[in-house]
Amino acid sequence: MPVPYKSRPSICPVRAWTAWKDATGLTDPDGPVWRRLHNRWHTVLKGGLQPESVGDVITRAGERASIEIRFTGHSPRRGLATSSRLKGHDQIVIAKQGGWAPHSKVLAGYLEVVDQWEDNALLGVL
């Protein structure tokens, strides 16, 4: 998936990925990025995290940060969709990048939140 560099290094996903890959010694391009830890010894295991586990990590991180809304595993995908739409990207492009079907009703619901303000029939009328 093509991901561009950001101008600010502190928020650049490419730089973060490169640092993570180097720090963890990941070499298999098809292997899991996030690895499981042994329950008792906290050593890194071969297998990757289950999708539910990734969601749990995101939820716990939001709680630890004292964020009032509850983050879930869907939060990053929804954030990608709404932020991309705010920048004017087409639904088909957003769907492809985010892994949705081209005419996904779920994605359309996310985008409606943005579009109701940006593409509003009352703009300029009232």
C-alpha atoms as a PDB file:
ATOM      1  CA  MET A   1       0.000   0.000   0.000  1.00  0.00           C
ATOM      2  CA  PRO A   2       1.545   3.343  -0.980  1.00  0.00           C
ATOM      3  CA  VAL A   3       1.941   5.619   2.046  1.00  0.00           C
ATOM      4  CA  PRO A   4       3.574   9.034   1.554  1.00  0.00           C
ATOM      5  CA  TYR A   5       6.132  10.626   3.865  1.00  0.00           C
ATOM      6  CA  LYS A   6       4.784  13.451   6.027  1.00  0.00           C
ATOM      7  CA  SER A   7       6.641  16.754   6.259  1.00  0.00           C
ATOM      8  CA  ARG A   8       6.767  16.552  10.070  1.00  0.00           C
ATOM      9  CA  PRO A   9       8.940  13.577  11.148  1.00  0.00           C
ATOM     10  CA  SER A  10       7.094  13.240  14.471  1.00  0.00           C
ATOM     11  CA  ILE A  11       3.861  12.204  12.706  1.00  0.00           C
ATOM     12  CA  CYS A  12       5.290  10.449   9.652  1.00  0.00           C
ATOM     13  CA  PRO A  13       3.952   6.877   9.302  1.00  0.00           C
ATOM     14  CA  VAL A  14       6.782   5.891   6.942  1.00  0.00           C
ATOM     15  CA  ARG A  15       9.474   6.960   9.399  1.00  0.00           C
ATOM     16  CA  ALA A  16       7.612   5.262  12.272  1.00  0.00           C
ATOM     17  CA  TRP A  17       7.338   2.032  10.264  1.00  0.00           C
ATOM     18  CA  THR A  18      11.031   2.116   9.323  1.00  0.00           C
ATOM     19  CA  ALA A  19      12.077   2.703  12.955  1.00  0.00           C
ATOM     20  CA  TRP A  20       9.780  -0.127  14.174  1.00  0.00           C
ATOM     21  CA  LYS A  21      11.032  -2.527  11.504  1.00  0.00           C
ATOM     22  CA  ASP A  22      14.671  -1.747  12.335  1.00  0.00           C
ATOM     23  CA  ALA A  23      14.142  -1.952  16.114  1.00  0.00           C
ATOM     24  CA  THR A  24      12.320  -5.295  15.953  1.00  0.00           C
ATOM     25  CA  GLY A  25      14.463  -6.861  13.242  1.00  0.00           C
ATOM     26  CA  LEU A  26      11.496  -7.610  10.964  1.00  0.00           C
ATOM     27  CA  THR A  27      12.745  -9.016   7.681  1.00  0.00           C
ATOM     28  CA  ASP A  28       9.836 -11.056   6.273  1.00  0.00           C
ATOM     29  CA  PRO A  29       7.746  -8.708   4.081  1.00  0.00           C
ATOM     30  CA  ASP A  30       4.771 -11.081   4.398  1.00  0.00           C
ATOM     31  CA  GLY A  31       5.136 -11.707   8.140  1.00  0.00           C
ATOM     32  CA  PRO A  32       3.096 -10.121  10.930  1.00  0.00           C
ATOM     33  CA  VAL A  33       3.995  -6.579  11.959  1.00  0.00           C
ATOM     34  CA  TRP A  34       2.573  -6.806  15.476  1.00  0.00           C
ATOM     35  CA  ARG A  35       3.748  -9.884  17.355  1.00  0.00           C
ATOM     36  CA  ARG A  36       2.279 -11.777  20.289  1.00  0.00           C
ATOM     37  CA  LEU A  37       4.035 -11.838  23.660  1.00  0.00           C
ATOM     38  CA  HIS A  38       4.333 -14.844  25.954  1.00  0.00           C
ATOM     39  CA  ASN A  39       1.837 -14.373  28.807  1.00  0.00           C
ATOM     40  CA  ARG A  40       4.344 -15.081  31.549  1.00  0.00           C
ATOM     41  CA  TRP A  41       7.777 -14.203  30.169  1.00  0.00           C
ATOM     42  CA  HIS A  42       6.745 -11.384  27.815  1.00  0.00           C
ATOM     43  CA  THR A  43       9.074 -12.689  25.134  1.00  0.00           C
ATOM     44  CA  VAL A  44       8.161 -12.146  21.493  1.00  0.00           C
ATOM     45  CA  LEU A  45       6.486 -15.144  19.840  1.00  0.00           C
ATOM     46  CA  LYS A  46       6.464 -16.030  16.138  1.00  0.00           C
ATOM     47  CA  GLY A  47       2.775 -15.491  15.438  1.00  0.00           C
ATOM     48  CA  GLY A  48       1.071 -12.174  14.900  1.00  0.00           C
ATOM     49  CA  LEU A  49      -1.739 -10.627  16.901  1.00  0.00           C
ATOM     50  CA  GLN A  50      -5.310 -11.660  16.194  1.00  0.00           C
ATOM     51  CA  PRO A  51      -7.551  -8.882  14.775  1.00  0.00           C
ATOM     52  CA  GLU A  52      -9.502  -8.756  18.045  1.00  0.00           C
ATOM     53  CA  SER A  53      -6.243  -8.256  19.953  1.00  0.00           C
ATOM     54  CA  VAL A  54      -5.330  -5.263  17.806  1.00  0.00           C
ATOM     55  CA  GLY A  55      -8.703  -3.722  18.642  1.00  0.00           C
ATOM     56  CA  ASP A  56      -8.129  -4.403  22.342  1.00  0.00           C
ATOM     57  CA  VAL A  57      -4.731  -2.674  22.190  1.00  0.00           C
ATOM     58  CA  ILE A  58      -6.291   0.391  20.535  1.00  0.00           C
ATOM     59  CA  THR A  59      -9.097   0.504  23.124  1.00  0.00           C
ATOM     60  CA  ARG A  60      -6.674   0.208  26.068  1.00  0.00           C
ATOM     61  CA  ALA A  61      -4.402   2.904  24.611  1.00  0.00           C
ATOM     62  CA  GLY A  62      -7.355   5.296  24.376  1.00  0.00           C
ATOM     63  CA  GLU A  63      -8.349   4.529  27.950  1.00  0.00           C
ATOM     64  CA  ARG A  64      -4.782   5.066  29.230  1.00  0.00           C
ATOM     65  CA  ALA A  65      -4.710   8.402  27.423  1.00  0.00           C
ATOM     66  CA  SER A  66      -7.962   9.365  29.210  1.00  0.00           C
ATOM     67  CA  ILE A  67      -9.751  10.008  25.927  1.00  0.00           C
ATOM     68  CA  GLU A  68     -13.441  10.384  26.663  1.00  0.00           C
ATOM     69  CA  ILE A  69     -14.719   8.549  23.591  1.00  0.00           C
ATOM     70  CA  ARG A  70     -14.080   4.809  23.310  1.00  0.00           C
ATOM     71  CA  PHE A  71     -11.598   3.928  20.561  1.00  0.00           C
ATOM     72  CA  THR A  72     -11.990   0.534  18.902  1.00  0.00           C
ATOM     73  CA  GLY A  73     -10.295  -1.369  16.110  1.00  0.00           C
ATOM     74  CA  HIS A  74     -12.499   0.495  13.628  1.00  0.00           C
ATOM     75  CA  SER A  75     -11.343   3.933  14.808  1.00  0.00           C
ATOM     76  CA  PRO A  76      -8.204   4.130  12.608  1.00  0.00           C
ATOM     77  CA  ARG A  77     -10.132   3.011   9.504  1.00  0.00           C
ATOM     78  CA  ARG A  78     -12.923   5.486  10.120  1.00  0.00           C
ATOM     79  CA  GLY A  79     -10.363   8.208  10.786  1.00  0.00           C
ATOM     80  CA  LEU A  80      -8.657   7.412   7.475  1.00  0.00           C
ATOM     81  CA  ALA A  81     -11.985   7.633   5.647  1.00  0.00           C
ATOM     82  CA  THR A  82     -13.201  10.888   7.188  1.00  0.00           C
ATOM     83  CA  SER A  83      -9.800  12.637   7.029  1.00  0.00           C
ATOM     84  CA  SER A  84      -9.359  11.587   3.393  1.00  0.00           C
ATOM     85  CA  ARG A  85     -12.818  12.848   2.470  1.00  0.00           C
ATOM     86  CA  LEU A  86     -12.126  16.176   4.208  1.00  0.00           C
ATOM     87  CA  LYS A  87      -9.108  16.512   1.894  1.00  0.00           C
ATOM     88  CA  GLY A  88     -11.394  15.948  -1.111  1.00  0.00           C
ATOM     89  CA  HIS A  89     -10.561  12.349  -2.013  1.00  0.00           C
ATOM     90  CA  ASP A  90     -13.086  10.249  -3.930  1.00  0.00           C
ATOM     91  CA  GLN A  91     -15.006   7.417  -2.224  1.00  0.00           C
ATOM     92  CA  ILE A  92     -13.582   4.801  -4.625  1.00  0.00           C
ATOM     93  CA  VAL A  93      -9.998   5.834  -3.817  1.00  0.00           C
ATOM     94  CA  ILE A  94     -10.735   5.846  -0.077  1.00  0.00           C
ATOM     95  CA  ALA A  95     -12.384   2.410  -0.342  1.00  0.00           C
ATOM     96  CA  LYS A  96      -9.385   0.933  -2.123  1.00  0.00           C
ATOM     97  CA  GLN A  97      -6.857   2.341   0.359  1.00  0.00           C
ATOM     98  CA  GLY A  98      -8.937   1.397   3.417  1.00  0.00           C
ATOM     99  CA  GLY A  99      -9.940  -2.091   2.290  1.00  0.00           C
ATOM    100  CA  TRP A 100     -13.667  -1.469   1.764  1.00  0.00           C
ATOM    101  CA  ALA A 101     -15.736  -2.676  -1.179  1.00  0.00           C
ATOM    102  CA  PRO A 102     -15.997   0.127  -3.798  1.00  0.00           C
ATOM    103  CA  HIS A 103     -19.607   1.002  -2.889  1.00  0.00           C
ATOM    104  CA  SER A 104     -19.581  -0.034   0.775  1.00  0.00           C
ATOM    105  CA  LYS A 105     -22.619   1.158   2.750  1.00  0.00           C
ATOM    106  CA  VAL A 106     -20.500   1.300   5.911  1.00  0.00           C
ATOM    107  CA  LEU A 107     -17.968   3.576   4.217  1.00  0.00           C
ATOM    108  CA  ALA A 108     -20.770   5.707   2.771  1.00  0.00           C
ATOM    109  CA  GLY A 109     -22.110   6.161   6.303  1.00  0.00           C
ATOM    110  CA  TYR A 110     -18.712   7.363   7.516  1.00  0.00           C
ATOM    111  CA  LEU A 111     -18.403   9.791   4.611  1.00  0.00           C
ATOM    112  CA  GLU A 112     -21.925  11.119   5.090  1.00  0.00           C
ATOM    113  CA  VAL A 113     -20.770  12.707   8.342  1.00  0.00           C
ATOM    114  CA  VAL A 114     -18.271  14.794   6.353  1.00  0.00           C
ATOM    115  CA  ASP A 115     -20.417  15.319   3.277  1.00  0.00           C
ATOM    116  CA  GLN A 116     -23.438  16.650   5.169  1.00  0.00           C
ATOM    117  CA  TRP A 117     -21.448  19.825   5.832  1.00  0.00           C
ATOM    118  CA  GLU A 118     -19.268  20.014   2.727  1.00  0.00           C
ATOM    119  CA  ASP A 119     -21.933  19.070   0.133  1.00  0.00           C
ATOM    120  CA  ASN A 120     -25.026  20.652   1.663  1.00  0.00           C
ATOM    121  CA  ALA A 121     -27.927  21.896  -0.489  1.00  0.00           C
ATOM    122  CA  LEU A 122     -28.449  24.801   1.893  1.00  0.00           C
ATOM    123  CA  LEU A 123     -24.950  26.237   1.450  1.00  0.00           C
ATOM    124  CA  GLY A 124     -25.275  29.663  -0.122  1.00  0.00           C
ATOM    125  CA  VAL A 125     -29.080  29.523   0.018  1.00  0.00           C
ATOM    126  CA  LEU A 126     -29.632  30.744   3.538  1.00  0.00           C
END
